[in-house]
Amino acid sequence: MTTKVTADVLNDTLDLSSKTITMPTANTPALTKSYTSANQTITAAGALTLAHGLGTMPLLIQARMKCLSSEVGYTTGDEVIINPCVNGSGTGQALTIVPDATNLNIRIPQAANSIVIANKGTGVTATITDANWALIFRAWA
């Protein structure tokens, strides 16, 4: 049964005296398990199968690139969160991540040096050199 509740917006009043409101008794965290991969080599047309150990399909996945050698305004150790679906170049090449209850199954674009990011200092898009970066994947369930 759905009950429409209205309030007097001008006076900020809401009479719920004839209604019973049941609130949750405990806050259960939505994401209690996590996984972080080691550095993964970027290889044109490469495939990665990373066992995440979460016991269920992840609800949230994050892809990052870690700078191994200074490039496009980034210094060694910088991490860039990337959108695995779009690389901004218009070529349609992008990382593909297919999660399941056991693994993150990842496919890297076919062309070498095909991932595009914004220059850290200027914002101008630039194609990275694969060997200067590593991929890192994080997942939560």
C-alpha atoms as a PDB file:
ATOM      1  CA  MET A   1       0.000   0.000   0.000  1.00  0.00           C
ATOM      2  CA  THR A   2       1.347   3.432  -0.943  1.00  0.00           C
ATOM      3  CA  THR A   3       0.355   6.508   1.005  1.00  0.00           C
ATOM      4  CA  LYS A   4       0.936   9.959  -0.370  1.00  0.00           C
ATOM      5  CA  VAL A   5       2.342  12.307   2.243  1.00  0.00           C
ATOM      6  CA  THR A   6       2.077  16.026   1.722  1.00  0.00           C
ATOM      7  CA  ALA A   7       3.604  18.871   3.687  1.00  0.00           C
ATOM      8  CA  ASP A   8       2.795  22.526   4.079  1.00  0.00           C
ATOM      9  CA  VAL A   9       5.917  23.862   2.407  1.00  0.00           C
ATOM     10  CA  LEU A  10       5.324  27.458   3.519  1.00  0.00           C
ATOM     11  CA  ASN A  11       5.169  26.541   7.200  1.00  0.00           C
ATOM     12  CA  ASP A  12       7.577  23.548   7.094  1.00  0.00           C
ATOM     13  CA  THR A  13       5.090  21.307   8.885  1.00  0.00           C
ATOM     14  CA  LEU A  14       4.383  17.655   8.366  1.00  0.00           C
ATOM     15  CA  ASP A  15       1.799  15.796  10.425  1.00  0.00           C
ATOM     16  CA  LEU A  16       2.590  12.086  10.616  1.00  0.00           C
ATOM     17  CA  SER A  17       0.861  11.478  13.960  1.00  0.00           C
ATOM     18  CA  SER A  18      -1.513   8.927  12.485  1.00  0.00           C
ATOM     19  CA  LYS A  19       1.230   7.013  10.622  1.00  0.00           C
ATOM     20  CA  THR A  20       3.834   4.498  11.745  1.00  0.00           C
ATOM     21  CA  ILE A  21       7.277   4.887  10.234  1.00  0.00           C
ATOM     22  CA  THR A  22       9.639   1.915  10.440  1.00  0.00           C
ATOM     23  CA  MET A  23      13.287   2.837  10.207  1.00  0.00           C
ATOM     24  CA  PRO A  24      16.134   0.383   9.554  1.00  0.00           C
ATOM     25  CA  THR A  25      17.630  -0.909  12.805  1.00  0.00           C
ATOM     26  CA  ALA A  26      21.205  -1.233  11.589  1.00  0.00           C
ATOM     27  CA  ASN A  27      23.345   0.262   8.891  1.00  0.00           C
ATOM     28  CA  THR A  28      24.873  -2.550   6.879  1.00  0.00           C
ATOM     29  CA  PRO A  29      27.745  -1.382   4.699  1.00  0.00           C
ATOM     30  CA  ALA A  30      26.986  -1.992   1.039  1.00  0.00           C
ATOM     31  CA  LEU A  31      30.580  -2.817   0.087  1.00  0.00           C
ATOM     32  CA  THR A  32      32.479  -4.927   2.599  1.00  0.00           C
ATOM     33  CA  LYS A  33      35.071  -6.704   0.434  1.00  0.00           C
ATOM     34  CA  SER A  34      37.754  -5.178  -1.783  1.00  0.00           C
ATOM     35  CA  TYR A  35      40.427  -6.198  -4.265  1.00  0.00           C
ATOM     36  CA  THR A  36      43.404  -4.306  -5.720  1.00  0.00           C
ATOM     37  CA  SER A  37      45.485  -5.805  -8.520  1.00  0.00           C
ATOM     38  CA  ALA A  38      49.228  -5.597  -8.867  1.00  0.00           C
ATOM     39  CA  ASN A  39      50.580  -3.430 -11.693  1.00  0.00           C
ATOM     40  CA  GLN A  40      49.469  -4.901 -15.035  1.00  0.00           C
ATOM     41  CA  THR A  41      51.449  -4.461 -18.254  1.00  0.00           C
ATOM     42  CA  ILE A  42      49.649  -2.658 -21.064  1.00  0.00           C
ATOM     43  CA  THR A  43      49.991  -4.867 -24.143  1.00  0.00           C
ATOM     44  CA  ALA A  44      48.191  -4.107 -27.429  1.00  0.00           C
ATOM     45  CA  ALA A  45      45.281  -6.547 -27.890  1.00  0.00           C
ATOM     46  CA  GLY A  46      46.247  -8.141 -24.575  1.00  0.00           C
ATOM     47  CA  ALA A  47      43.889 -10.036 -22.330  1.00  0.00           C
ATOM     48  CA  LEU A  48      44.063 -10.105 -18.527  1.00  0.00           C
ATOM     49  CA  THR A  49      42.256 -12.501 -16.220  1.00  0.00           C
ATOM     50  CA  LEU A  50      42.551 -11.271 -12.644  1.00  0.00           C
ATOM     51  CA  ALA A  51      41.170 -13.457  -9.843  1.00  0.00           C
ATOM     52  CA  HIS A  52      39.591 -11.004  -7.400  1.00  0.00           C
ATOM     53  CA  GLY A  53      38.653 -13.418  -4.594  1.00  0.00           C
ATOM     54  CA  LEU A  54      35.480 -11.498  -3.677  1.00  0.00           C
ATOM     55  CA  GLY A  55      33.238 -14.568  -3.929  1.00  0.00           C
ATOM     56  CA  THR A  56      30.637 -12.652  -5.925  1.00  0.00           C
ATOM     57  CA  MET A  57      30.502 -10.365  -8.941  1.00  0.00           C
ATOM     58  CA  PRO A  58      31.864  -6.933  -7.938  1.00  0.00           C
ATOM     59  CA  LEU A  59      29.347  -4.111  -7.613  1.00  0.00           C
ATOM     60  CA  LEU A  60      31.952  -1.438  -8.306  1.00  0.00           C
ATOM     61  CA  ILE A  61      35.110  -1.552 -10.435  1.00  0.00           C
ATOM     62  CA  GLN A  62      37.730   1.134 -10.946  1.00  0.00           C
ATOM     63  CA  ALA A  63      40.482   1.190 -13.580  1.00  0.00           C
ATOM     64  CA  ARG A  64      43.597   3.280 -13.022  1.00  0.00           C
ATOM     65  CA  MET A  65      46.801   3.888 -14.895  1.00  0.00           C
ATOM     66  CA  LYS A  66      49.979   4.330 -12.839  1.00  0.00           C
ATOM     67  CA  CYS A  67      52.746   6.430 -14.349  1.00  0.00           C
ATOM     68  CA  LEU A  68      56.022   4.482 -14.467  1.00  0.00           C
ATOM     69  CA  SER A  69      58.019   7.067 -16.430  1.00  0.00           C
ATOM     70  CA  SER A  70      57.136  10.767 -16.679  1.00  0.00           C
ATOM     71  CA  GLU A  71      54.885  11.555 -19.619  1.00  0.00           C
ATOM     72  CA  VAL A  72      52.171  14.051 -20.679  1.00  0.00           C
ATOM     73  CA  GLY A  73      52.660  16.138 -17.530  1.00  0.00           C
ATOM     74  CA  TYR A  74      52.505  13.226 -15.071  1.00  0.00           C
ATOM     75  CA  THR A  75      55.382  12.120 -12.872  1.00  0.00           C
ATOM     76  CA  THR A  76      56.383   8.630 -11.795  1.00  0.00           C
ATOM     77  CA  GLY A  77      53.909   7.307  -9.227  1.00  0.00           C
ATOM     78  CA  ASP A  78      50.942   9.438 -10.332  1.00  0.00           C
ATOM     79  CA  GLU A  79      47.731   7.448 -10.739  1.00  0.00           C
ATOM     80  CA  VAL A  80      45.001   8.429 -13.178  1.00  0.00           C
ATOM     81  CA  ILE A  81      41.478   7.055 -12.816  1.00  0.00           C
ATOM     82  CA  ILE A  82      40.329   6.177 -16.317  1.00  0.00           C
ATOM     83  CA  ASN A  83      36.981   5.466 -17.892  1.00  0.00           C
ATOM     84  CA  PRO A  84      37.433   2.022 -19.403  1.00  0.00           C
ATOM     85  CA  CYS A  85      34.642   2.530 -21.948  1.00  0.00           C
ATOM     86  CA  VAL A  86      35.818   5.653 -23.763  1.00  0.00           C
ATOM     87  CA  ASN A  87      39.271   6.936 -24.570  1.00  0.00           C
ATOM     88  CA  GLY A  88      38.333  10.280 -26.122  1.00  0.00           C
ATOM     89  CA  SER A  89      40.047   9.751 -29.471  1.00  0.00           C
ATOM     90  CA  GLY A  90      36.931   8.815 -31.390  1.00  0.00           C
ATOM     91  CA  THR A  91      38.517   5.595 -32.609  1.00  0.00           C
ATOM     92  CA  GLY A  92      36.315   3.367 -30.496  1.00  0.00           C
ATOM     93  CA  GLN A  93      39.315   1.720 -28.854  1.00  0.00           C
ATOM     94  CA  ALA A  94      38.848   1.284 -25.134  1.00  0.00           C
ATOM     95  CA  LEU A  95      39.514  -1.121 -22.299  1.00  0.00           C
ATOM     96  CA  THR A  96      36.777  -3.678 -21.803  1.00  0.00           C
ATOM     97  CA  ILE A  97      36.154  -5.150 -18.351  1.00  0.00           C
ATOM     98  CA  VAL A  98      33.847  -8.141 -17.962  1.00  0.00           C
ATOM     99  CA  PRO A  99      33.485  -9.107 -14.297  1.00  0.00           C
ATOM    100  CA  ASP A 100      32.153 -12.377 -12.944  1.00  0.00           C
ATOM    101  CA  ALA A 101      32.040 -14.004  -9.504  1.00  0.00           C
ATOM    102  CA  THR A 102      35.665 -15.125  -9.828  1.00  0.00           C
ATOM    103  CA  ASN A 103      37.590 -12.830 -12.184  1.00  0.00           C
ATOM    104  CA  LEU A 104      37.949  -9.463 -13.803  1.00  0.00           C
ATOM    105  CA  ASN A 105      38.295 -10.310 -17.498  1.00  0.00           C
ATOM    106  CA  ILE A 106      39.977  -7.427 -19.278  1.00  0.00           C
ATOM    107  CA  ARG A 107      40.706  -6.780 -22.938  1.00  0.00           C
ATOM    108  CA  ILE A 108      43.157  -4.037 -23.932  1.00  0.00           C
ATOM    109  CA  PRO A 109      42.714  -2.123 -27.235  1.00  0.00           C
ATOM    110  CA  GLN A 110      44.295  -3.636 -30.329  1.00  0.00           C
ATOM    111  CA  ALA A 111      46.591  -0.774 -31.297  1.00  0.00           C
ATOM    112  CA  ALA A 112      49.770  -0.058 -29.361  1.00  0.00           C
ATOM    113  CA  ASN A 113      49.751   3.279 -27.554  1.00  0.00           C
ATOM    114  CA  SER A 114      45.994   3.671 -28.101  1.00  0.00           C
ATOM    115  CA  ILE A 115      44.914   4.982 -24.680  1.00  0.00           C
ATOM    116  CA  VAL A 116      44.282   8.723 -24.590  1.00  0.00           C
ATOM    117  CA  ILE A 117      44.278  10.887 -21.442  1.00  0.00           C
ATOM    118  CA  ALA A 118      44.348  14.610 -20.694  1.00  0.00           C
ATOM    119  CA  ASN A 119      47.748  16.214 -20.101  1.00  0.00           C
ATOM    120  CA  LYS A 120      48.014  16.866 -16.344  1.00  0.00           C
ATOM    121  CA  GLY A 121      49.121  20.473 -16.797  1.00  0.00           C
ATOM    122  CA  THR A 122      47.350  21.628 -19.945  1.00  0.00           C
ATOM    123  CA  GLY A 123      44.293  19.407 -20.348  1.00  0.00           C
ATOM    124  CA  VAL A 124      45.196  18.740 -23.987  1.00  0.00           C
ATOM    125  CA  THR A 125      44.481  15.122 -24.862  1.00  0.00           C
ATOM    126  CA  ALA A 126      47.487  12.963 -25.582  1.00  0.00           C
ATOM    127  CA  THR A 127      48.123   9.340 -26.454  1.00  0.00           C
ATOM    128  CA  ILE A 128      50.202   7.563 -23.830  1.00  0.00           C
ATOM    129  CA  THR A 129      53.207   5.326 -24.454  1.00  0.00           C
ATOM    130  CA  ASP A 130      52.126   1.928 -23.112  1.00  0.00           C
ATOM    131  CA  ALA A 131      55.523   1.109 -21.583  1.00  0.00           C
ATOM    132  CA  ASN A 132      55.395   4.294 -19.465  1.00  0.00           C
ATOM    133  CA  TRP A 133      52.248   3.178 -17.629  1.00  0.00           C
ATOM    134  CA  ALA A 134      50.775   0.203 -15.769  1.00  0.00           C
ATOM    135  CA  LEU A 135      47.121  -0.669 -15.274  1.00  0.00           C
ATOM    136  CA  ILE A 136      45.706  -1.202 -11.791  1.00  0.00           C
ATOM    137  CA  PHE A 137      42.213  -2.517 -11.153  1.00  0.00           C
ATOM    138  CA  ARG A 138      40.186  -2.180  -7.974  1.00  0.00           C
ATOM    139  CA  ALA A 139      36.895  -3.931  -7.238  1.00  0.00           C
ATOM    140  CA  TRP A 140      34.412  -3.920  -4.355  1.00  0.00           C
ATOM    141  CA  ALA A 141      31.574  -6.205  -3.376  1.00  0.00           C
END
